[in-house]
Amino acid sequence: MTELLSLSRAARLAGVTRAEIQKRIRHGEMQTFEGQVAIGDLLRVYPSVSLEKSDDFERVEQIKANALPQHQDEETRLPSQQVLITRIKALAEALVQRVARVEALEQLLDETRARLDALACGTGGQSGTGDQGGTDSAPAVPSEEVLRDLGAWLQTRRTALAENPVEAAQTQLLAKDSFLRIMSASVQMIPSGHEFFVDGNESILEAAVRSGLRLGYGCASGNCGECKARLVTGEVYRLREHDYVLSEREKQMGYLLTCSHTAVTDLQLEAAEAHSPDDLPEQEIQAQIRKLEPQSGGLMLLHVQTPRTNTLRFMAGQRARLALAQGLQRELPIASCPCNGRNLLFAVRQDDDAFSRAVFETVKPRQPVTLTGPYGDFVLAEDATEPAVFIALEDGIAPIKSLIEHAVSIDSIEAFHLYWSVLPLRMHDHQPWCRALRETLDNFAFTPLVDAACDDLLALLESDLEALPGNRYYVAGPSHAVKAVVSALLEAGVPQARIASEEFLG
């Protein structure tokens, strides 16, 4: 029976975040073995793991609702979702119990064989009395008492197996794992080692983007071949035909288009990923204004939507240039997560310049806009798992919001703390978003501030945080304010490598 689980699968089974598992490991409560954790450790730290209804099963119900066969004939018609889930749960529990029992019986057979071998060598036996020509002695014959003892021991062991379920907690955990494996397949990327889950009928590419990974892709509809990857292990299923033609050599090597295939079993996939802003190409996309959302204090939230076949590939914290039909343009931070490159959010502050006046006075929903980018290197250190402190100064919340949403999607940072200072008479316009994060995530804290001076902010950080140098900092806002905060952090002993900053005029 499998004794090791990947961190992502262990987190899903325990019903906690991957960051929580990493925190336990870092504090010595659990051990890792080549990036995996032992089932025994997981059960020791999370003894309440069960198959009772949880968020996982609610998610599974939604997955099944979207996974009905295309041809509803008599042979393929499925029962109701609840009936199907109940049956799968029961089968998973029965399967794992059966596997556990088979392994226990195999162990019993090994023990029995060892005892028989000992008897064959004369241990506990009785020598024969016949003389085989004076040259060979007769083999040892076990006495009736020895055989009775062996039979009694065997019966006792069998009774114990029947009356006592084998490793109940462990088999229950594996039953839940078996159940979830039917609904979701794990994909491990090579060479990065990143892992994500493919749920329901979504494509491998859709699942990767949703999980915050940056696989190469272009049209996402099977025409360009930019999402090509090599299948190393596992089984896939083609969701849709594609116009791009793979060569016979590529087919033999296991190449496929991730936009057109889903995972049937757990996969290992070899594909290129973007690891830095330099790995992403500049893109130009004809998009449209989907919605304009006025906020208090002279702020407009601009919702931009790209075509389904041409989404923007960017890293959290980067910027894009928006060009309106009137020829007006501005480079703005993207205030949304890269996990949804089709629906992008920008914040425009009311001002006297022509671009701002157009947004507040003449731009209408469904109006075309040309999107160019991405730009900038204010991005998340994704391999860093230590607590992250986000400091948004005034409108610096836009790129900070993108960073936090991406951090939540990749689920690798131990804890988040957002400090957001606004000018007097202005509002924290994303209060509902901040409140939702605070209520949903146990490891997220939010401190709203008004016109916080640099010294006051540093004193607050020293009061809230255990040790300033032990965190990673992301600071965004007007140039003069950002420079002051970064300088104060450096003087407090924070290494330069742990500070990322984004400055703009203001």
Protein backbone atom coordinates (compact mmCIF):
# COMPACT_ATOMS: atom_id res chain seq x y z
CA MET A 1 0.00 0.00 0.00
CA THR A 2 1.29 3.46 -0.90
CA GLU A 3 2.93 5.11 2.11
CA LEU A 4 3.98 8.46 0.59
CA LEU A 5 1.88 11.31 -0.79
CA SER A 6 2.83 14.47 -2.67
CA LEU A 7 2.38 17.71 -0.71
CA SER A 8 -0.52 18.79 -2.93
CA ARG A 9 -2.37 15.51 -2.54
CA ALA A 10 -1.67 15.40 1.21
CA ALA A 11 -3.10 18.91 1.58
CA ARG A 12 -6.21 17.97 -0.40
CA LEU A 13 -6.76 14.85 1.71
CA ALA A 14 -6.32 16.70 5.00
CA GLY A 15 -8.52 19.57 3.86
CA VAL A 16 -5.83 22.21 4.43
CA THR A 17 -3.68 24.37 2.18
CA ARG A 18 -0.39 23.25 0.75
CA ALA A 19 1.20 26.17 2.59
CA GLU A 20 -0.12 24.76 5.87
CA ILE A 21 1.59 21.42 5.15
CA GLN A 22 4.84 23.24 4.33
CA LYS A 23 4.58 25.21 7.57
CA ARG A 24 4.24 21.96 9.55
CA ILE A 25 7.29 20.57 7.76
CA ARG A 26 9.33 23.69 8.42
CA HIS A 27 8.44 23.54 12.13
CA GLY A 28 9.54 19.90 12.34
CA GLU A 29 6.07 18.43 12.88
CA MET A 30 6.27 16.41 9.66
CA GLN A 31 9.10 15.08 7.53
CA THR A 32 9.50 15.04 3.77
CA PHE A 33 11.00 12.33 1.62
CA GLU A 34 11.97 13.72 -1.80
CA GLY A 35 9.08 16.17 -1.70
CA GLN A 36 6.55 13.70 -0.28
CA VAL A 37 5.12 13.06 3.18
CA ALA A 38 4.38 9.78 4.91
CA ILE A 39 0.76 8.78 5.47
CA GLY A 40 1.60 8.05 9.10
CA ASP A 41 2.85 11.61 9.62
CA LEU A 42 -0.23 13.05 7.95
CA LEU A 43 -2.55 11.03 10.18
CA ARG A 44 -0.57 11.93 13.29
CA VAL A 45 -0.85 15.67 12.61
CA TYR A 46 -4.39 15.51 11.17
CA PRO A 47 -6.07 12.57 12.96
CA SER A 48 -9.58 13.67 11.97
CA VAL A 49 -9.16 12.92 8.25
CA SER A 50 -12.37 11.23 7.15
CA LEU A 51 -14.67 10.52 4.24
CA GLU A 52 -17.44 12.71 5.60
CA LYS A 53 -18.91 15.35 3.30
CA SER A 54 -16.49 18.24 2.84
CA ASP A 55 -15.64 20.98 0.37
CA ASP A 56 -13.91 18.34 -1.74
CA PHE A 57 -17.14 16.44 -2.19
CA GLU A 58 -19.14 19.57 -2.90
CA ARG A 59 -16.58 20.36 -5.60
CA VAL A 60 -16.89 16.80 -6.88
CA GLU A 61 -20.65 17.19 -7.24
CA GLN A 62 -20.09 20.20 -9.46
CA ILE A 63 -17.49 18.31 -11.48
CA LYS A 64 -19.86 15.43 -12.06
CA ALA A 65 -22.61 17.83 -13.11
CA ASN A 66 -20.39 18.89 -16.01
CA ALA A 67 -19.15 15.42 -16.88
CA LEU A 68 -22.16 13.58 -18.33
CA PRO A 69 -21.56 11.51 -21.48
CA GLN A 70 -22.30 13.25 -24.76
CA HIS A 71 -24.50 10.39 -26.02
CA GLN A 72 -27.22 9.59 -23.52
CA ASP A 73 -28.15 6.09 -24.71
CA GLU A 74 -29.23 3.26 -22.41
CA GLU A 75 -25.71 1.95 -21.89
CA THR A 76 -24.07 5.24 -20.96
CA ARG A 77 -26.82 6.97 -18.96
CA LEU A 78 -25.56 7.84 -15.49
CA PRO A 79 -27.54 7.82 -12.25
CA SER A 80 -28.06 11.05 -10.34
CA GLN A 81 -24.92 12.78 -9.13
CA GLN A 82 -25.62 12.03 -5.48
CA VAL A 83 -26.26 8.34 -6.16
CA LEU A 84 -23.12 8.11 -8.27
CA ILE A 85 -20.97 9.80 -5.62
CA THR A 86 -22.37 7.54 -2.89
CA ARG A 87 -21.61 4.45 -4.96
CA ILE A 88 -18.08 5.59 -5.75
CA LYS A 89 -17.42 6.34 -2.07
CA ALA A 90 -18.60 2.87 -1.12
CA LEU A 91 -16.50 1.23 -3.82
CA ALA A 92 -13.43 3.23 -2.79
CA GLU A 93 -13.81 2.19 0.84
CA ALA A 94 -14.37 -1.46 -0.10
CA LEU A 95 -11.43 -1.48 -2.52
CA VAL A 96 -8.96 -0.06 -0.03
CA GLN A 97 -10.16 -2.37 2.74
CA ARG A 98 -9.74 -5.31 0.38
CA VAL A 99 -6.25 -4.19 -0.62
CA ALA A 100 -5.31 -3.74 3.04
CA ARG A 101 -6.63 -7.20 3.87
CA VAL A 102 -4.77 -8.81 0.96
CA GLU A 103 -1.54 -7.20 2.13
CA ALA A 104 -2.18 -8.44 5.67
CA LEU A 105 -2.82 -11.95 4.37
CA GLU A 106 0.37 -11.83 2.33
CA GLN A 107 2.23 -10.92 5.49
CA LEU A 108 0.54 -13.85 7.25
CA LEU A 109 1.63 -16.18 4.44
CA ASP A 110 5.20 -14.96 4.78
CA GLU A 111 5.14 -15.64 8.52
CA THR A 112 3.65 -19.10 7.93
CA ARG A 113 6.28 -19.90 5.33
CA ALA A 114 9.01 -18.90 7.78
CA ARG A 115 7.60 -21.22 10.44
CA LEU A 116 7.33 -24.10 7.94
CA ASP A 117 10.91 -23.52 6.83
CA ALA A 118 12.00 -23.72 10.46
CA LEU A 119 10.13 -27.02 10.88
CA ALA A 120 11.66 -28.40 7.69
CA CYS A 121 15.09 -27.75 9.16
CA GLY A 122 14.20 -29.83 12.21
CA THR A 123 13.32 -27.08 14.61
CA GLY A 124 10.66 -28.36 16.99
CA GLY A 125 10.46 -31.65 15.03
CA GLN A 126 11.26 -35.33 15.67
CA SER A 127 13.82 -37.48 13.80
CA GLY A 128 12.63 -40.49 11.83
CA THR A 129 13.58 -44.02 13.00
CA GLY A 130 14.11 -45.72 9.67
CA ASP A 131 17.57 -46.40 8.27
CA GLN A 132 18.00 -45.49 4.62
CA GLY A 133 20.83 -47.82 3.77
CA GLY A 134 23.00 -46.41 6.51
CA THR A 135 23.94 -43.43 4.38
CA ASP A 136 21.02 -40.96 4.41
CA SER A 137 19.07 -39.96 7.50
CA ALA A 138 15.27 -39.54 7.22
CA PRO A 139 13.90 -35.95 7.09
CA ALA A 140 12.72 -34.38 10.33
CA VAL A 141 9.02 -35.02 10.99
CA PRO A 142 7.18 -32.43 13.13
CA SER A 143 5.44 -33.89 16.11
CA GLU A 144 1.66 -33.76 16.43
CA GLU A 145 2.03 -31.20 19.20
CA VAL A 146 4.09 -28.89 16.98
CA LEU A 147 1.55 -29.17 14.17
CA ARG A 148 -1.31 -28.46 16.55
CA ASP A 149 0.53 -25.38 17.84
CA LEU A 150 1.06 -24.18 14.24
CA GLY A 151 -2.64 -24.69 13.43
CA ALA A 152 -3.73 -22.88 16.59
CA TRP A 153 -1.37 -19.94 15.84
CA LEU A 154 -2.70 -19.71 12.27
CA GLN A 155 -6.32 -19.73 13.45
CA THR A 156 -5.59 -17.03 16.04
CA ARG A 157 -3.98 -14.78 13.42
CA ARG A 158 -6.91 -15.26 11.01
CA THR A 159 -9.42 -14.44 13.73
CA ALA A 160 -7.50 -11.30 14.64
CA LEU A 161 -7.55 -10.14 11.02
CA ALA A 162 -11.30 -10.76 10.76
CA GLU A 163 -12.15 -8.95 13.99
CA ASN A 164 -9.73 -6.03 13.74
CA PRO A 165 -9.74 -3.86 10.58
CA VAL A 166 -6.23 -3.46 9.27
CA GLU A 167 -4.84 0.02 9.93
CA ALA A 168 -8.29 1.63 9.99
CA ALA A 169 -7.12 5.26 9.90
CA GLN A 170 -4.66 4.64 7.08
CA THR A 171 -7.14 2.69 4.96
CA GLN A 172 -9.77 5.40 5.46
CA LEU A 173 -7.31 8.02 4.25
CA LEU A 174 -6.45 5.93 1.20
CA ALA A 175 -10.15 5.37 0.51
CA LYS A 176 -10.63 9.14 0.37
CA ASP A 177 -7.57 9.38 -1.87
CA SER A 178 -9.00 6.72 -4.21
CA PHE A 179 -12.31 8.58 -4.33
CA LEU A 180 -10.66 11.90 -5.20
CA ARG A 181 -8.41 10.28 -7.80
CA ILE A 182 -11.54 9.24 -9.70
CA MET A 183 -12.68 12.86 -9.82
CA SER A 184 -9.32 14.63 -10.17
CA ALA A 185 -6.04 13.62 -11.73
CA SER A 186 -2.71 14.99 -10.56
CA VAL A 187 -0.26 16.37 -13.12
CA GLN A 188 3.41 16.75 -12.22
CA MET A 189 5.47 18.97 -14.49
CA ILE A 190 8.99 18.09 -15.58
CA PRO A 191 11.53 19.54 -14.96
CA SER A 192 9.99 22.13 -12.60
CA GLY A 193 8.26 19.61 -10.31
CA HIS A 194 5.15 21.80 -10.10
CA GLU A 195 1.95 19.88 -9.45
CA PHE A 196 -1.70 20.69 -10.18
CA PHE A 197 -5.03 18.88 -10.43
CA VAL A 198 -7.24 18.40 -13.48
CA ASP A 199 -10.89 18.39 -12.44
CA GLY A 200 -13.80 17.01 -14.42
CA ASN A 201 -13.67 17.62 -18.15
CA GLU A 202 -11.33 20.61 -18.16
CA SER A 203 -8.29 20.46 -20.41
CA ILE A 204 -4.77 20.10 -19.03
CA LEU A 205 -4.02 23.65 -20.18
CA GLU A 206 -7.12 25.09 -18.48
CA ALA A 207 -6.23 23.33 -15.23
CA ALA A 208 -2.62 24.55 -15.38
CA VAL A 209 -3.62 28.17 -15.95
CA ARG A 210 -6.25 27.98 -13.20
CA SER A 211 -3.55 26.71 -10.83
CA GLY A 212 -1.24 29.61 -11.62
CA LEU A 213 1.24 27.77 -13.83
CA ARG A 214 2.58 29.47 -16.93
CA LEU A 215 2.69 26.84 -19.65
CA GLY A 216 3.33 28.04 -23.17
CA TYR A 217 0.20 28.50 -25.27
CA GLY A 218 -1.22 30.68 -27.99
CA CYS A 219 -4.71 30.18 -29.39
CA ALA A 220 -5.82 27.60 -26.77
CA SER A 221 -8.06 26.07 -29.46
CA GLY A 222 -5.79 23.54 -31.18
CA ASN A 223 -4.60 25.66 -34.10
CA CYS A 224 -1.14 26.96 -33.24
CA GLY A 225 0.59 24.07 -31.41
CA GLU A 226 2.17 26.42 -28.86
CA CYS A 227 0.82 24.32 -25.96
CA LYS A 228 2.61 21.17 -27.13
CA ALA A 229 3.97 18.97 -24.31
CA ARG A 230 5.39 15.45 -23.97
CA LEU A 231 3.54 12.80 -21.98
CA VAL A 232 6.07 10.91 -19.83
CA THR A 233 3.72 8.68 -17.79
CA GLY A 234 -0.03 8.32 -17.45
CA GLU A 235 -3.05 8.25 -19.73
CA VAL A 236 -4.85 11.13 -21.43
CA TYR A 237 -8.10 11.53 -23.36
CA ARG A 238 -8.62 13.84 -26.33
CA LEU A 239 -11.48 16.23 -25.60
CA ARG A 240 -11.63 17.79 -29.04
CA GLU A 241 -10.04 17.53 -32.45
CA HIS A 242 -7.32 20.03 -33.34
CA ASP A 243 -6.14 21.47 -36.64
CA TYR A 244 -2.47 21.52 -35.67
CA VAL A 245 -0.74 18.43 -37.07
CA LEU A 246 1.82 16.59 -34.95
CA SER A 247 4.54 14.78 -36.89
CA GLU A 248 4.79 11.00 -36.66
CA ARG A 249 8.05 11.42 -34.76
CA GLU A 250 6.34 13.71 -32.20
CA LYS A 251 3.49 11.22 -31.79
CA GLN A 252 5.95 8.39 -31.15
CA MET A 253 7.70 10.51 -28.52
CA GLY A 254 4.39 11.15 -26.73
CA TYR A 255 3.73 14.77 -27.66
CA LEU A 256 0.20 16.15 -27.35
CA LEU A 257 -1.64 19.48 -27.24
CA THR A 258 -2.57 20.34 -23.66
CA CYS A 259 -5.49 22.49 -24.84
CA SER A 260 -7.16 19.48 -26.47
CA HIS A 261 -6.54 16.73 -23.90
CA THR A 262 -7.57 15.98 -20.34
CA ALA A 263 -5.96 13.65 -17.81
CA VAL A 264 -7.47 10.20 -17.25
CA THR A 265 -4.89 9.11 -14.68
CA ASP A 266 -2.13 10.90 -12.79
CA LEU A 267 0.39 12.26 -15.29
CA GLN A 268 3.99 13.32 -15.61
CA LEU A 269 4.27 15.93 -18.33
CA GLU A 270 7.36 17.51 -19.84
CA ALA A 271 6.77 21.10 -20.94
CA ALA A 272 8.39 24.50 -20.86
CA GLU A 273 7.20 27.00 -18.27
CA ALA A 274 7.84 30.72 -17.97
CA HIS A 275 9.93 31.36 -14.84
CA SER A 276 10.66 35.07 -15.24
CA PRO A 277 9.20 38.09 -17.07
CA ASP A 278 11.82 37.65 -19.80
CA ASP A 279 10.29 34.26 -20.66
CA LEU A 280 6.99 35.84 -21.70
CA PRO A 281 6.64 37.39 -25.17
CA GLU A 282 5.10 40.79 -25.76
CA GLN A 283 1.54 40.26 -26.97
CA GLU A 284 -0.93 42.52 -28.75
CA ILE A 285 -4.58 41.58 -28.32
CA GLN A 286 -7.74 43.19 -29.65
CA ALA A 287 -10.00 43.14 -26.60
CA GLN A 288 -13.08 45.02 -25.42
CA ILE A 289 -14.29 46.96 -22.41
CA ARG A 290 -16.68 44.62 -20.61
CA LYS A 291 -17.72 46.86 -17.71
CA LEU A 292 -16.91 50.20 -16.07
CA GLU A 293 -17.39 50.21 -12.31
CA PRO A 294 -17.22 53.64 -10.61
CA GLN A 295 -15.77 53.73 -7.09
CA SER A 296 -15.74 56.42 -4.46
CA GLY A 297 -12.99 59.00 -4.42
CA GLY A 298 -12.69 59.34 -8.21
CA LEU A 299 -11.66 55.81 -9.12
CA MET A 300 -12.91 53.70 -12.02
CA LEU A 301 -12.47 49.93 -12.21
CA LEU A 302 -12.08 48.97 -15.85
CA HIS A 303 -12.99 45.37 -16.73
CA VAL A 304 -11.38 44.24 -19.99
CA GLN A 305 -12.16 40.96 -21.72
CA THR A 306 -9.98 39.26 -24.35
CA PRO A 307 -11.20 36.78 -27.00
CA ARG A 308 -11.51 33.17 -25.84
CA THR A 309 -8.82 32.12 -28.29
CA ASN A 310 -6.31 34.83 -27.37
CA THR A 311 -5.89 35.41 -23.64
CA LEU A 312 -3.08 37.47 -22.14
CA ARG A 313 -0.16 35.56 -20.66
CA PHE A 314 1.37 37.57 -17.84
CA MET A 315 2.88 37.26 -14.39
CA ALA A 316 1.13 38.66 -11.32
CA GLY A 317 2.20 42.24 -10.63
CA GLN A 318 2.97 43.11 -14.26
CA ARG A 319 1.51 45.93 -16.35
CA ALA A 320 -0.22 46.22 -19.73
CA ARG A 321 -0.76 49.11 -22.14
CA LEU A 322 -4.35 49.99 -22.98
CA ALA A 323 -4.99 51.89 -26.23
CA LEU A 324 -8.49 53.27 -26.72
CA ALA A 325 -10.13 53.80 -30.09
CA GLN A 326 -9.46 57.54 -29.82
CA GLY A 327 -5.71 56.85 -29.92
CA LEU A 328 -5.34 57.51 -26.19
CA GLN A 329 -3.22 55.03 -24.24
CA ARG A 330 -1.79 54.36 -20.82
CA GLU A 331 0.30 51.65 -19.18
CA LEU A 332 -1.47 50.33 -16.07
CA PRO A 333 -0.86 47.59 -13.48
CA ILE A 334 -3.06 44.52 -13.97
CA ALA A 335 -5.14 44.19 -10.81
CA SER A 336 -6.27 40.59 -11.39
CA CYS A 337 -4.88 37.07 -11.24
CA PRO A 338 -3.00 35.43 -14.14
CA CYS A 339 -5.16 32.38 -13.52
CA ASN A 340 -7.79 34.16 -15.63
CA GLY A 341 -5.97 35.85 -18.48
CA ARG A 342 -9.20 36.53 -20.32
CA ASN A 343 -10.86 38.80 -17.73
CA LEU A 344 -8.50 41.58 -16.68
CA LEU A 345 -9.01 44.37 -14.15
CA PHE A 346 -7.47 47.84 -14.24
CA ALA A 347 -7.92 50.84 -11.94
CA VAL A 348 -7.98 54.36 -13.41
CA ARG A 349 -7.80 57.40 -11.11
CA GLN A 350 -9.74 60.49 -12.25
CA ASP A 351 -7.33 63.19 -13.44
CA ASP A 352 -6.96 66.00 -15.94
CA ASP A 353 -5.21 63.97 -18.64
CA ALA A 354 -7.03 62.90 -21.82
CA PHE A 355 -6.97 59.15 -21.10
CA SER A 356 -8.59 59.57 -17.69
CA ARG A 357 -11.24 61.97 -19.05
CA ALA A 358 -12.10 59.47 -21.79
CA VAL A 359 -12.52 56.61 -19.29
CA PHE A 360 -14.79 58.69 -17.04
CA GLU A 361 -16.75 60.51 -19.74
CA THR A 362 -16.87 58.75 -23.12
CA VAL A 363 -15.78 55.10 -22.89
CA LYS A 364 -18.71 52.66 -22.95
CA PRO A 365 -19.06 48.90 -22.40
CA ARG A 366 -18.30 46.72 -25.46
CA GLN A 367 -15.98 49.40 -26.82
CA PRO A 368 -12.80 47.95 -28.41
CA VAL A 369 -9.43 48.39 -26.73
CA THR A 370 -5.98 47.24 -27.83
CA LEU A 371 -4.06 45.44 -25.11
CA THR A 372 -0.26 45.22 -25.30
CA GLY A 373 2.09 43.61 -22.80
CA PRO A 374 3.04 42.37 -20.34
CA TYR A 375 5.66 44.73 -18.88
CA GLY A 376 7.54 45.01 -15.60
CA ASP A 377 9.42 42.74 -13.21
CA PHE A 378 7.44 43.30 -9.99
CA VAL A 379 6.52 39.62 -9.62
CA LEU A 380 6.05 37.01 -6.92
CA ALA A 381 9.00 34.91 -5.74
CA GLU A 382 7.09 31.67 -6.25
CA ASP A 383 9.72 29.34 -4.79
CA ALA A 384 9.81 31.31 -1.52
CA THR A 385 7.50 29.85 1.13
CA GLU A 386 8.24 32.18 4.05
CA PRO A 387 5.52 34.64 5.21
CA ALA A 388 4.85 37.45 2.72
CA VAL A 389 4.14 41.04 3.72
CA PHE A 390 2.35 43.15 1.10
CA ILE A 391 2.51 46.93 1.55
CA ALA A 392 0.17 48.88 -0.72
CA LEU A 393 0.53 52.65 -0.67
CA GLU A 394 -2.46 54.48 -2.17
CA ASP A 395 -3.18 53.07 -5.67
CA GLY A 396 -0.34 50.57 -5.27
CA ILE A 397 -3.08 48.12 -4.28
CA ALA A 398 -3.60 47.24 -7.98
CA PRO A 399 -0.42 45.18 -8.55
CA ILE A 400 -0.49 44.00 -4.91
CA LYS A 401 -3.99 42.60 -5.46
CA SER A 402 -2.70 40.62 -8.46
CA LEU A 403 0.22 39.25 -6.43
CA ILE A 404 -2.01 38.13 -3.56
CA GLU A 405 -4.54 36.42 -5.82
CA HIS A 406 -1.74 34.56 -7.58
CA ALA A 407 -0.16 33.59 -4.25
CA VAL A 408 -3.48 32.14 -3.16
CA SER A 409 -3.83 30.18 -6.41
CA ILE A 410 -0.40 28.54 -6.20
CA ASP A 411 -0.84 27.88 -2.45
CA SER A 412 2.80 27.81 -1.41
CA ILE A 413 3.26 30.81 0.92
CA GLU A 414 2.96 30.17 4.65
CA ALA A 415 1.11 33.36 5.57
CA PHE A 416 0.05 36.72 4.09
CA HIS A 417 -0.29 40.13 5.69
CA LEU A 418 -1.59 43.11 3.72
CA TYR A 419 -0.98 46.66 4.94
CA TRP A 420 -2.83 49.22 2.82
CA SER A 421 -2.48 52.94 3.43
CA VAL A 422 -4.73 55.43 1.62
CA LEU A 423 -4.87 59.21 1.58
CA PRO A 424 -7.30 61.03 3.89
CA LEU A 425 -10.89 61.18 2.59
CA ARG A 426 -10.24 58.19 0.32
CA MET A 427 -11.69 54.73 0.80
CA HIS A 428 -10.15 51.27 0.74
CA ASP A 429 -12.04 50.47 -2.46
CA HIS A 430 -11.35 46.74 -2.35
CA GLN A 431 -12.66 46.28 1.20
CA PRO A 432 -15.09 43.45 0.21
CA TRP A 433 -12.21 41.61 -1.47
CA CYS A 434 -9.99 42.05 1.61
CA ARG A 435 -12.79 40.96 3.92
CA ALA A 436 -13.52 37.88 1.80
CA LEU A 437 -9.87 36.83 1.92
CA ARG A 438 -9.69 37.35 5.67
CA GLU A 439 -12.83 35.28 6.24
CA THR A 440 -11.81 32.52 3.84
CA LEU A 441 -8.10 32.11 4.63
CA ASP A 442 -6.78 31.32 8.08
CA ASN A 443 -3.34 32.62 7.09
CA PHE A 444 -4.39 36.04 5.75
CA ALA A 445 -4.36 39.27 7.76
CA PHE A 446 -5.39 42.76 6.63
CA THR A 447 -4.49 46.07 8.28
CA PRO A 448 -6.16 49.16 6.73
CA LEU A 449 -4.32 52.44 7.32
CA VAL A 450 -4.93 56.10 6.54
CA ASP A 451 -2.03 58.34 5.53
CA ALA A 452 0.46 56.20 7.47
CA ALA A 453 3.88 57.78 7.92
CA CYS A 454 6.88 55.59 7.15
CA ASP A 455 8.05 55.50 10.79
CA ASP A 456 4.58 54.58 12.01
CA LEU A 457 4.33 51.81 9.40
CA LEU A 458 7.70 50.36 10.42
CA ALA A 459 6.72 50.44 14.10
CA LEU A 460 3.51 48.61 13.24
CA LEU A 461 5.44 45.97 11.29
CA GLU A 462 7.83 45.43 14.20
CA SER A 463 4.84 45.05 16.54
CA ASP A 464 2.92 42.62 14.33
CA LEU A 465 5.72 40.45 12.96
CA GLU A 466 8.04 38.18 14.92
CA ALA A 467 11.21 39.18 13.05
CA LEU A 468 11.33 41.59 10.12
CA PRO A 469 14.22 39.88 8.27
CA GLY A 470 12.37 36.54 8.26
CA ASN A 471 9.64 37.74 5.88
CA ARG A 472 9.48 38.64 2.21
CA TYR A 473 8.20 42.13 1.30
CA TYR A 474 6.31 43.49 -1.69
CA VAL A 475 5.90 47.28 -1.74
CA ALA A 476 3.97 49.26 -4.37
CA GLY A 477 2.81 52.86 -4.65
CA PRO A 478 4.02 56.40 -5.40
CA SER A 479 7.76 56.58 -5.96
CA HIS A 480 8.67 58.77 -2.97
CA ALA A 481 6.63 56.68 -0.51
CA VAL A 482 7.97 53.36 -1.82
CA LYS A 483 11.58 54.56 -1.61
CA ALA A 484 11.06 55.61 2.02
CA VAL A 485 9.55 52.24 3.03
CA VAL A 486 12.23 50.22 1.23
CA SER A 487 14.97 52.29 2.87
CA ALA A 488 13.40 51.76 6.32
CA LEU A 489 13.19 48.00 5.76
CA LEU A 490 16.85 47.83 4.73
CA GLU A 491 17.88 49.78 7.83
CA ALA A 492 15.86 47.33 9.94
CA GLY A 493 18.01 44.46 8.66
CA VAL A 494 15.82 43.07 5.88
CA PRO A 495 18.05 41.75 3.04
CA GLN A 496 17.67 43.50 -0.29
CA ALA A 497 16.88 40.16 -1.94
CA ARG A 498 13.74 39.86 0.19
CA ILE A 499 12.26 43.17 -0.99
CA ALA A 500 10.45 43.72 -4.30
CA SER A 501 9.06 47.14 -5.17
CA GLU A 502 6.97 48.86 -7.85
CA GLU A 503 7.06 52.63 -8.13
CA PHE A 504 4.90 55.02 -10.12
CA LEU A 505 4.54 58.76 -10.27
CA GLY A 506 2.18 60.26 -7.75
